[in-house]
């Protein structure tokens, strides 16, 4: 019986997490933070929130 192990060339994401990015860079890439629930028609019309 042979003993085989799996080895990947790239590091595991759990052992090598990505560092925190600058907030201005995150905003350029992903845009503004969006609310979980979309604003209603009246909220959009009157600019509430």
N, C-alpha and C. Protein backbone atom coordinates (compact mmCIF):
# COMPACT_ATOMS: atom_id res chain seq x y z
N UNK A 1 0.84 -1.18 0.00
CA UNK A 1 0.00 0.00 0.00
C UNK A 1 0.90 1.25 0.00
N UNK A 2 0.60 2.16 -0.89
CA UNK A 2 1.44 3.36 -1.00
C UNK A 2 0.81 4.50 -0.22
N UNK A 3 1.66 5.34 0.29
CA UNK A 3 1.20 6.52 1.03
C UNK A 3 1.42 7.73 0.13
N UNK A 4 0.34 8.36 -0.30
CA UNK A 4 0.48 9.52 -1.18
C UNK A 4 -0.12 10.75 -0.50
N UNK A 5 0.51 11.87 -0.72
CA UNK A 5 0.01 13.13 -0.19
C UNK A 5 -0.17 14.11 -1.33
N UNK A 6 -1.10 15.01 -1.14
CA UNK A 6 -1.37 16.02 -2.16
C UNK A 6 -0.64 17.30 -1.78
N UNK A 7 0.12 17.83 -2.71
CA UNK A 7 0.81 19.09 -2.47
C UNK A 7 0.47 20.06 -3.59
N UNK A 8 0.12 21.25 -3.19
CA UNK A 8 -0.24 22.29 -4.15
C UNK A 8 0.90 23.30 -4.20
N UNK A 9 1.10 23.91 -5.35
CA UNK A 9 2.16 24.90 -5.48
C UNK A 9 1.77 26.23 -4.87
N UNK A 10 0.48 26.51 -4.79
CA UNK A 10 0.03 27.78 -4.22
C UNK A 10 -0.29 27.59 -2.73
N UNK A 11 -0.03 28.61 -1.91
CA UNK A 11 -0.34 28.47 -0.48
C UNK A 11 -1.84 28.46 -0.24
N UNK A 12 -2.21 27.82 0.85
CA UNK A 12 -3.61 27.72 1.22
C UNK A 12 -4.12 29.08 1.68
N UNK A 13 -5.36 29.43 1.35
CA UNK A 13 -5.92 30.72 1.73
C UNK A 13 -6.12 30.83 3.23
N UNK A 14 -6.30 29.70 3.93
CA UNK A 14 -6.48 29.73 5.37
C UNK A 14 -5.17 30.02 6.09
N UNK A 15 -4.07 29.50 5.55
CA UNK A 15 -2.79 29.71 6.21
C UNK A 15 -2.13 31.01 5.77
N UNK A 16 -2.45 31.51 4.58
CA UNK A 16 -1.86 32.75 4.07
C UNK A 16 -2.98 33.70 3.68
N UNK A 17 -3.68 34.32 4.66
CA UNK A 17 -4.79 35.20 4.31
C UNK A 17 -4.29 36.48 3.65
N UNK A 18 -5.16 37.09 2.89
CA UNK A 18 -4.83 38.33 2.21
C UNK A 18 -4.87 39.48 3.22
N UNK A 19 -3.94 40.39 3.12
CA UNK A 19 -3.91 41.52 4.03
C UNK A 19 -5.02 42.50 3.74
N UNK A 20 -5.31 43.34 4.72
CA UNK A 20 -6.36 44.35 4.55
C UNK A 20 -5.89 45.40 3.55
N UNK A 21 -6.78 45.78 2.66
CA UNK A 21 -6.42 46.78 1.66
C UNK A 21 -6.82 48.17 2.16
N UNK A 22 -6.22 49.16 1.58
CA UNK A 22 -6.52 50.54 1.92
C UNK A 22 -7.98 50.83 1.58
N UNK A 23 -8.66 51.62 2.41
CA UNK A 23 -10.09 51.87 2.19
C UNK A 23 -10.33 52.63 0.89
N UNK A 24 -9.47 53.54 0.52
CA UNK A 24 -9.67 54.27 -0.73
C UNK A 24 -9.49 53.34 -1.93
N UNK A 25 -8.56 52.40 -1.83
CA UNK A 25 -8.36 51.43 -2.90
C UNK A 25 -9.57 50.52 -3.01
N UNK A 26 -10.12 50.07 -1.86
CA UNK A 26 -11.31 49.21 -1.88
C UNK A 26 -12.48 49.94 -2.53
N UNK A 27 -12.62 51.24 -2.23
CA UNK A 27 -13.71 52.02 -2.81
C UNK A 27 -13.55 52.18 -4.32
N UNK A 28 -12.32 52.34 -4.79
CA UNK A 28 -12.08 52.44 -6.23
C UNK A 28 -12.43 51.14 -6.94
N UNK A 29 -12.13 50.03 -6.31
CA UNK A 29 -12.37 48.73 -6.94
C UNK A 29 -13.85 48.36 -6.88
N UNK A 30 -14.46 48.45 -5.68
CA UNK A 30 -15.81 47.93 -5.47
C UNK A 30 -16.90 48.99 -5.45
N UNK A 31 -16.55 50.25 -5.32
CA UNK A 31 -17.57 51.30 -5.26
C UNK A 31 -18.05 51.54 -3.84
N UNK A 32 -19.08 52.39 -3.72
CA UNK A 32 -19.62 52.72 -2.41
C UNK A 32 -20.27 51.52 -1.75
N UNK A 33 -20.35 51.57 -0.44
CA UNK A 33 -21.04 50.51 0.31
C UNK A 33 -22.53 50.66 0.08
N UNK A 34 -23.17 49.58 -0.33
CA UNK A 34 -24.59 49.60 -0.65
C UNK A 34 -25.40 49.06 0.53
N UNK A 35 -26.61 49.61 0.77
CA UNK A 35 -27.45 49.07 1.84
C UNK A 35 -27.96 47.68 1.49
N UNK A 36 -28.28 46.90 2.52
CA UNK A 36 -28.80 45.55 2.29
C UNK A 36 -30.17 45.57 1.63
N UNK A 37 -31.03 46.47 2.08
CA UNK A 37 -32.35 46.57 1.46
C UNK A 37 -32.35 47.78 0.52
N UNK A 38 -32.79 47.60 -0.71
CA UNK A 38 -32.80 48.72 -1.66
C UNK A 38 -33.76 49.81 -1.22
N UNK A 39 -33.43 51.07 -1.45
CA UNK A 39 -34.33 52.15 -1.05
C UNK A 39 -35.64 52.12 -1.85
N UNK A 40 -36.72 52.54 -1.20
CA UNK A 40 -38.01 52.56 -1.87
C UNK A 40 -38.07 53.71 -2.86
N UNK A 41 -39.13 53.76 -3.62
CA UNK A 41 -39.29 54.81 -4.63
C UNK A 41 -39.29 56.19 -3.98
N UNK A 42 -40.03 56.34 -2.86
CA UNK A 42 -40.10 57.64 -2.19
C UNK A 42 -38.75 58.04 -1.59
N UNK A 43 -38.02 57.08 -1.06
CA UNK A 43 -36.69 57.38 -0.53
C UNK A 43 -35.76 57.85 -1.64
N UNK A 44 -35.84 57.22 -2.79
CA UNK A 44 -35.01 57.67 -3.92
C UNK A 44 -35.48 59.02 -4.43
N UNK A 45 -36.79 59.25 -4.44
CA UNK A 45 -37.35 60.49 -4.98
C UNK A 45 -36.96 61.69 -4.11
N UNK A 46 -37.05 61.53 -2.80
CA UNK A 46 -36.78 62.64 -1.90
C UNK A 46 -35.36 62.62 -1.33
N UNK A 47 -34.56 61.64 -1.70
CA UNK A 47 -33.17 61.58 -1.25
C UNK A 47 -33.00 61.29 0.21
N UNK A 48 -33.92 60.54 0.79
CA UNK A 48 -33.81 60.18 2.20
C UNK A 48 -32.78 59.08 2.35
N UNK A 49 -32.22 58.96 3.56
CA UNK A 49 -31.21 57.97 3.96
C UNK A 49 -29.91 58.63 4.19
